[in-house]
Amino acid sequence: MASAAAREPVEWAVAHRCRPGEARCGDLAVVARLPEGVLVAGIDGVGHGAEAARAAHRAAEVIRRRPGADLEVLVGRCHAALRGTRGAAISLAFVCPAEHGITWLGVGNVEGRVLRSDPAATSPKGSLALSSGVPGHELPPVKPATLRIEPGDVLLLATDGIHRAFADAPDVSGSPRAISERILARHWKAPDDALVLAVRYLGPRP
């Protein structure tokens, strides 16, 4: 699924693969448009199979039902809702066009990178600092970080089914769908669930 409306501040796409032999994927993404910006989430249910998928879907439902820019509150809600499940790694980012910025945080192992729009760039503009813990079981104190972005910059969230080297040689050419599918094809750690969410910042609405 993807969205690329001309008046929207971002365009985005998701690519994912299920662990071979499993009917359900434990990795999910959420993108929610709010009046003040866009909330995105990468969720990785612990393990794989039906129980991982159940945890991931529960966290996704919390985020879809009450999205917001306060990421500390949002991850706390997910933590409470995930009790009694395997838990899930969760990374959240809020894109604020008015400030040309991203606020983000992560608990667990869903990696985040911001890649520059400049094709000559050889390294990410920013990397998400991850806190150890598993929402649903252990939620450490969290503090969001902020990063200034420019139109054309690309935010990537990738679950642990993707090798961490996915952004070492950044290539943000093409559509978000092309970017996410290219990373998945090159960096999938089979046999595991895997997901890549690519979000290109387009700037404030005209």
C-alpha atoms as a PDB file:
ATOM      1  CA  MET A   1       0.000   0.000   0.000  1.00  0.00           C
ATOM      2  CA  ALA A   2       1.258   3.512  -0.714  1.00  0.00           C
ATOM      3  CA  SER A   3       0.091   7.091  -0.654  1.00  0.00           C
ATOM      4  CA  ALA A   4       1.444   9.985  -2.712  1.00  0.00           C
ATOM      5  CA  ALA A   5      -1.211  12.718  -2.893  1.00  0.00           C
ATOM      6  CA  ALA A   6       0.097  15.909  -4.506  1.00  0.00           C
ATOM      7  CA  ARG A   7      -0.877  18.141  -1.544  1.00  0.00           C
ATOM      8  CA  GLU A   8       0.379  15.821   1.161  1.00  0.00           C
ATOM      9  CA  PRO A   9       3.635  16.566   3.055  1.00  0.00           C
ATOM     10  CA  VAL A  10       4.985  13.037   2.498  1.00  0.00           C
ATOM     11  CA  GLU A  11       4.767  10.111   0.138  1.00  0.00           C
ATOM     12  CA  TRP A  12       5.351   6.612   1.455  1.00  0.00           C
ATOM     13  CA  ALA A  13       5.376   2.895   0.789  1.00  0.00           C
ATOM     14  CA  VAL A  14       5.906  -0.364   2.661  1.00  0.00           C
ATOM     15  CA  ALA A  15       7.599  -3.574   1.542  1.00  0.00           C
ATOM     16  CA  HIS A  16       7.476  -6.715   3.681  1.00  0.00           C
ATOM     17  CA  ARG A  17       8.011 -10.454   3.664  1.00  0.00           C
ATOM     18  CA  CYS A  18       6.684 -13.134   5.940  1.00  0.00           C
ATOM     19  CA  ARG A  19       8.937 -15.812   7.398  1.00  0.00           C
ATOM     20  CA  PRO A  20       8.718 -18.820   5.033  1.00  0.00           C
ATOM     21  CA  GLY A  21       6.171 -21.320   6.272  1.00  0.00           C
ATOM     22  CA  GLU A  22       4.181 -18.765   8.292  1.00  0.00           C
ATOM     23  CA  ALA A  23       0.733 -17.534   7.304  1.00  0.00           C
ATOM     24  CA  ARG A  24       0.954 -14.190   9.154  1.00  0.00           C
ATOM     25  CA  CYS A  25       3.651 -11.549   9.378  1.00  0.00           C
ATOM     26  CA  GLY A  26       4.624 -10.164  12.770  1.00  0.00           C
ATOM     27  CA  ASP A  27       5.942  -6.901  11.293  1.00  0.00           C
ATOM     28  CA  LEU A  28       3.592  -3.982  10.615  1.00  0.00           C
ATOM     29  CA  ALA A  29       3.738  -0.310   9.666  1.00  0.00           C
ATOM     30  CA  VAL A  30       1.286   2.492  10.418  1.00  0.00           C
ATOM     31  CA  VAL A  31       1.073   5.892   8.715  1.00  0.00           C
ATOM     32  CA  ALA A  32      -1.457   8.404  10.071  1.00  0.00           C
ATOM     33  CA  ARG A  33      -2.089  11.896   8.691  1.00  0.00           C
ATOM     34  CA  LEU A  34      -2.807  14.517  11.374  1.00  0.00           C
ATOM     35  CA  PRO A  35      -3.562  18.240  10.987  1.00  0.00           C
ATOM     36  CA  GLU A  36      -0.088  19.181  12.218  1.00  0.00           C
ATOM     37  CA  GLY A  37       1.926  16.451  10.487  1.00  0.00           C
ATOM     38  CA  VAL A  38       2.322  12.753   9.801  1.00  0.00           C
ATOM     39  CA  LEU A  39       2.854   9.973  12.336  1.00  0.00           C
ATOM     40  CA  VAL A  40       4.668   6.826  11.203  1.00  0.00           C
ATOM     41  CA  ALA A  41       5.396   3.628  13.092  1.00  0.00           C
ATOM     42  CA  GLY A  42       7.371   0.453  12.541  1.00  0.00           C
ATOM     43  CA  ILE A  43       6.288  -2.490  14.713  1.00  0.00           C
ATOM     44  CA  ASP A  44       7.980  -5.883  15.142  1.00  0.00           C
ATOM     45  CA  GLY A  45       6.113  -8.451  17.217  1.00  0.00           C
ATOM     46  CA  VAL A  46       8.533 -10.600  19.213  1.00  0.00           C
ATOM     47  CA  GLY A  47       9.305 -13.861  17.436  1.00  0.00           C
ATOM     48  CA  HIS A  48       7.222 -14.880  14.448  1.00  0.00           C
ATOM     49  CA  GLY A  49       3.943 -16.483  13.528  1.00  0.00           C
ATOM     50  CA  ALA A  50       0.455 -15.927  14.935  1.00  0.00           C
ATOM     51  CA  GLU A  51       1.514 -14.684  18.388  1.00  0.00           C
ATOM     52  CA  ALA A  52       3.961 -12.150  16.956  1.00  0.00           C
ATOM     53  CA  ALA A  53       1.275 -10.973  14.551  1.00  0.00           C
ATOM     54  CA  ARG A  54      -1.233 -10.649  17.397  1.00  0.00           C
ATOM     55  CA  ALA A  55       1.116  -8.389  19.361  1.00  0.00           C
ATOM     56  CA  ALA A  56       1.962  -6.272  16.311  1.00  0.00           C
ATOM     57  CA  HIS A  57      -1.706  -5.822  15.376  1.00  0.00           C
ATOM     58  CA  ARG A  58      -2.594  -4.825  18.924  1.00  0.00           C
ATOM     59  CA  ALA A  59       0.068  -2.089  18.939  1.00  0.00           C
ATOM     60  CA  ALA A  60      -0.985  -0.928  15.475  1.00  0.00           C
ATOM     61  CA  GLU A  61      -4.598  -0.638  16.599  1.00  0.00           C
ATOM     62  CA  VAL A  62      -3.583   1.539  19.557  1.00  0.00           C
ATOM     63  CA  ILE A  63      -1.661   3.857  17.233  1.00  0.00           C
ATOM     64  CA  ARG A  64      -4.429   4.037  14.623  1.00  0.00           C
ATOM     65  CA  ARG A  65      -7.143   4.642  17.203  1.00  0.00           C
ATOM     66  CA  ARG A  66      -5.427   7.541  18.985  1.00  0.00           C
ATOM     67  CA  PRO A  67      -2.527   8.878  16.894  1.00  0.00           C
ATOM     68  CA  GLY A  68      -0.708  11.957  18.108  1.00  0.00           C
ATOM     69  CA  ALA A  69       2.547  13.887  18.140  1.00  0.00           C
ATOM     70  CA  ASP A  70       3.381  13.014  21.774  1.00  0.00           C
ATOM     71  CA  LEU A  71       5.455   9.901  21.165  1.00  0.00           C
ATOM     72  CA  GLU A  72       6.210   9.220  24.819  1.00  0.00           C
ATOM     73  CA  VAL A  73       2.493   9.009  25.580  1.00  0.00           C
ATOM     74  CA  LEU A  74       1.863   6.874  22.504  1.00  0.00           C
ATOM     75  CA  VAL A  75       4.533   4.292  23.284  1.00  0.00           C
ATOM     76  CA  GLY A  76       3.223   4.158  26.861  1.00  0.00           C
ATOM     77  CA  ARG A  77      -0.253   3.314  25.567  1.00  0.00           C
ATOM     78  CA  CYS A  78       1.210   0.579  23.406  1.00  0.00           C
ATOM     79  CA  HIS A  79       3.124  -0.814  26.385  1.00  0.00           C
ATOM     80  CA  ALA A  80      -0.077  -1.043  28.432  1.00  0.00           C
ATOM     81  CA  ALA A  81      -2.056  -2.637  25.597  1.00  0.00           C
ATOM     82  CA  LEU A  82       0.659  -5.226  24.913  1.00  0.00           C
ATOM     83  CA  ARG A  83       0.690  -6.702  28.407  1.00  0.00           C
ATOM     84  CA  GLY A  84      -0.242 -10.353  28.165  1.00  0.00           C
ATOM     85  CA  THR A  85       1.285 -10.675  24.685  1.00  0.00           C
ATOM     86  CA  ARG A  86       4.812 -11.436  23.542  1.00  0.00           C
ATOM     87  CA  GLY A  87       5.391  -7.705  23.236  1.00  0.00           C
ATOM     88  CA  ALA A  88       6.749  -5.785  20.283  1.00  0.00           C
ATOM     89  CA  ALA A  89       9.617  -3.536  19.303  1.00  0.00           C
ATOM     90  CA  ILE A  90       8.224  -0.144  18.283  1.00  0.00           C
ATOM     91  CA  SER A  91       9.786   2.856  16.564  1.00  0.00           C
ATOM     92  CA  LEU A  92       7.738   6.024  16.113  1.00  0.00           C
ATOM     93  CA  ALA A  93       8.397   9.199  14.142  1.00  0.00           C
ATOM     94  CA  PHE A  94       6.396  12.378  13.724  1.00  0.00           C
ATOM     95  CA  VAL A  95       7.049  14.524  10.662  1.00  0.00           C
ATOM     96  CA  CYS A  96       6.212  18.196  11.302  1.00  0.00           C
ATOM     97  CA  PRO A  97       6.173  20.238   8.070  1.00  0.00           C
ATOM     98  CA  ALA A  98       5.777  23.578   9.912  1.00  0.00           C
ATOM     99  CA  GLU A  99       9.153  23.022  11.567  1.00  0.00           C
ATOM    100  CA  HIS A 100      10.782  20.979   8.775  1.00  0.00           C
ATOM    101  CA  GLY A 101      11.593  18.389  11.408  1.00  0.00           C
ATOM    102  CA  ILE A 102      11.208  14.825  12.585  1.00  0.00           C
ATOM    103  CA  THR A 103      10.709  13.812  16.200  1.00  0.00           C
ATOM    104  CA  TRP A 104      11.400  10.122  16.776  1.00  0.00           C
ATOM    105  CA  LEU A 105      12.031   7.422  19.339  1.00  0.00           C
ATOM    106  CA  GLY A 106      12.468   3.672  19.350  1.00  0.00           C
ATOM    107  CA  VAL A 107      12.231   0.883  21.917  1.00  0.00           C
ATOM    108  CA  GLY A 108      13.625  -2.435  20.748  1.00  0.00           C
ATOM    109  CA  ASN A 109      15.251  -3.115  17.425  1.00  0.00           C
ATOM    110  CA  VAL A 110      13.288  -1.374  14.651  1.00  0.00           C
ATOM    111  CA  GLU A 111      16.068   0.660  13.049  1.00  0.00           C
ATOM    112  CA  GLY A 112      15.532   4.201  11.777  1.00  0.00           C
ATOM    113  CA  ARG A 113      17.545   6.316   9.345  1.00  0.00           C
ATOM    114  CA  VAL A 114      17.057   9.624   7.573  1.00  0.00           C
ATOM    115  CA  LEU A 115      18.802   9.770   4.203  1.00  0.00           C
ATOM    116  CA  ARG A 116      19.701  13.025   2.499  1.00  0.00           C
ATOM    117  CA  SER A 117      18.017  14.100  -0.702  1.00  0.00           C
ATOM    118  CA  ASP A 118      21.454  14.885  -2.156  1.00  0.00           C
ATOM    119  CA  PRO A 119      22.427  11.916  -4.383  1.00  0.00           C
ATOM    120  CA  ALA A 120      26.105  12.624  -3.635  1.00  0.00           C
ATOM    121  CA  ALA A 121      25.618  11.982   0.096  1.00  0.00           C
ATOM    122  CA  THR A 122      27.523   8.955   1.348  1.00  0.00           C
ATOM    123  CA  SER A 123      26.064   8.594   4.853  1.00  0.00           C
ATOM    124  CA  PRO A 124      22.705   9.000   6.597  1.00  0.00           C
ATOM    125  CA  LYS A 125      21.701  12.423   7.865  1.00  0.00           C
ATOM    126  CA  GLY A 126      20.519  10.830  11.105  1.00  0.00           C
ATOM    127  CA  SER A 127      20.167   7.478  12.881  1.00  0.00           C
ATOM    128  CA  LEU A 128      17.504   6.667  15.439  1.00  0.00           C
ATOM    129  CA  ALA A 129      18.864   5.996  18.937  1.00  0.00           C
ATOM    130  CA  LEU A 130      17.135   2.859  20.207  1.00  0.00           C
ATOM    131  CA  SER A 131      16.330   2.154  23.847  1.00  0.00           C
ATOM    132  CA  SER A 132      16.582  -1.415  25.096  1.00  0.00           C
ATOM    133  CA  GLY A 133      13.356  -3.008  26.229  1.00  0.00           C
ATOM    134  CA  VAL A 134      10.198  -4.642  24.906  1.00  0.00           C
ATOM    135  CA  PRO A 135       6.922  -2.708  25.101  1.00  0.00           C
ATOM    136  CA  GLY A 136       4.458  -5.002  26.810  1.00  0.00           C
ATOM    137  CA  HIS A 137       7.140  -6.342  29.162  1.00  0.00           C
ATOM    138  CA  GLU A 138       9.672  -3.629  29.941  1.00  0.00           C
ATOM    139  CA  LEU A 139       9.461   0.025  28.936  1.00  0.00           C
ATOM    140  CA  PRO A 140      12.510   2.092  29.878  1.00  0.00           C
ATOM    141  CA  PRO A 141      12.411   5.873  30.246  1.00  0.00           C
ATOM    142  CA  VAL A 142      12.252   7.313  26.731  1.00  0.00           C
ATOM    143  CA  LYS A 143      13.040  10.735  25.356  1.00  0.00           C
ATOM    144  CA  PRO A 144      12.351  11.647  21.721  1.00  0.00           C
ATOM    145  CA  ALA A 145      15.078  13.206  19.606  1.00  0.00           C
ATOM    146  CA  THR A 146      14.562  15.759  16.852  1.00  0.00           C
ATOM    147  CA  LEU A 147      16.184  16.177  13.462  1.00  0.00           C
ATOM    148  CA  ARG A 148      15.795  18.908  10.853  1.00  0.00           C
ATOM    149  CA  ILE A 149      14.857  17.655   7.385  1.00  0.00           C
ATOM    150  CA  GLU A 150      14.607  19.097   3.894  1.00  0.00           C
ATOM    151  CA  PRO A 151      12.240  18.291   1.024  1.00  0.00           C
ATOM    152  CA  GLY A 152      13.430  15.117  -0.670  1.00  0.00           C
ATOM    153  CA  ASP A 153      14.930  13.566   2.470  1.00  0.00           C
ATOM    154  CA  VAL A 154      13.817   9.989   3.111  1.00  0.00           C
ATOM    155  CA  LEU A 155      12.953   8.407   6.460  1.00  0.00           C
ATOM    156  CA  LEU A 156      13.455   4.642   6.632  1.00  0.00           C
ATOM    157  CA  LEU A 157      12.209   2.281   9.334  1.00  0.00           C
ATOM    158  CA  ALA A 158      13.368  -1.343   9.093  1.00  0.00           C
ATOM    159  CA  THR A 159      12.639  -4.312  11.356  1.00  0.00           C
ATOM    160  CA  ASP A 160      15.330  -6.751  12.466  1.00  0.00           C
ATOM    161  CA  GLY A 161      14.619  -9.009   9.502  1.00  0.00           C
ATOM    162  CA  ILE A 162      16.643  -6.441   7.533  1.00  0.00           C
ATOM    163  CA  HIS A 163      20.441  -6.309   7.849  1.00  0.00           C
ATOM    164  CA  ARG A 164      21.602  -3.173   9.667  1.00  0.00           C
ATOM    165  CA  ALA A 165      23.754  -2.266   6.677  1.00  0.00           C
ATOM    166  CA  PHE A 166      20.632  -1.315   4.711  1.00  0.00           C
ATOM    167  CA  ALA A 167      21.493   2.407   4.792  1.00  0.00           C
ATOM    168  CA  ASP A 168      25.298   2.214   4.634  1.00  0.00           C
ATOM    169  CA  ALA A 169      25.299   3.083   0.930  1.00  0.00           C
ATOM    170  CA  PRO A 170      22.171   5.225   0.657  1.00  0.00           C
ATOM    171  CA  ASP A 171      20.233   5.162  -2.609  1.00  0.00           C
ATOM    172  CA  VAL A 172      17.037   7.206  -2.472  1.00  0.00           C
ATOM    173  CA  SER A 173      16.382   7.272  -6.203  1.00  0.00           C
ATOM    174  CA  GLY A 174      12.919   6.442  -7.454  1.00  0.00           C
ATOM    175  CA  SER A 175       9.637   6.243  -5.598  1.00  0.00           C
ATOM    176  CA  PRO A 176       9.234   5.196  -1.953  1.00  0.00           C
ATOM    177  CA  ARG A 177       7.920   1.875  -3.250  1.00  0.00           C
ATOM    178  CA  ALA A 178      11.069   1.375  -5.325  1.00  0.00           C
ATOM    179  CA  ILE A 179      13.267   2.305  -2.348  1.00  0.00           C
ATOM    180  CA  SER A 180      11.520  -0.024   0.117  1.00  0.00           C
ATOM    181  CA  GLU A 181      11.398  -2.953  -2.312  1.00  0.00           C
ATOM    182  CA  ARG A 182      15.060  -2.485  -3.271  1.00  0.00           C
ATOM    183  CA  ILE A 183      16.157  -2.545   0.380  1.00  0.00           C
ATOM    184  CA  LEU A 184      14.016  -5.596   1.093  1.00  0.00           C
ATOM    185  CA  ALA A 185      15.431  -7.477  -1.883  1.00  0.00           C
ATOM    186  CA  ARG A 186      19.043  -6.658  -0.995  1.00  0.00           C
ATOM    187  CA  HIS A 187      19.015  -6.868   2.794  1.00  0.00           C
ATOM    188  CA  TRP A 188      16.388  -9.401   3.908  1.00  0.00           C
ATOM    189  CA  LYS A 189      17.724 -11.785   6.569  1.00  0.00           C
ATOM    190  CA  ALA A 190      15.863 -14.953   5.629  1.00  0.00           C
ATOM    191  CA  PRO A 191      14.186 -16.780   7.264  1.00  0.00           C
ATOM    192  CA  ASP A 192      12.576 -13.996   9.299  1.00  0.00           C
ATOM    193  CA  ASP A 193       9.700 -11.570   8.995  1.00  0.00           C
ATOM    194  CA  ALA A 194      10.960  -8.330   7.498  1.00  0.00           C
ATOM    195  CA  LEU A 195       9.557  -4.872   6.791  1.00  0.00           C
ATOM    196  CA  VAL A 196      10.837  -1.618   5.320  1.00  0.00           C
ATOM    197  CA  LEU A 197       8.875   1.633   5.477  1.00  0.00           C
ATOM    198  CA  ALA A 198      10.124   4.459   3.241  1.00  0.00           C
ATOM    199  CA  VAL A 199       8.758   7.989   3.747  1.00  0.00           C
ATOM    200  CA  ARG A 200       9.890  10.851   1.513  1.00  0.00           C
ATOM    201  CA  TYR A 201       9.391  14.353   2.909  1.00  0.00           C
ATOM    202  CA  LEU A 202       7.852  16.687   0.323  1.00  0.00           C
ATOM    203  CA  GLY A 203       7.556  19.827   2.414  1.00  0.00           C
ATOM    204  CA  PRO A 204       4.623  21.852   3.752  1.00  0.00           C
ATOM    205  CA  ARG A 205       1.318  21.750   1.916  1.00  0.00           C
ATOM    206  CA  PRO A 206       0.980  24.655  -0.576  1.00  0.00           C
END
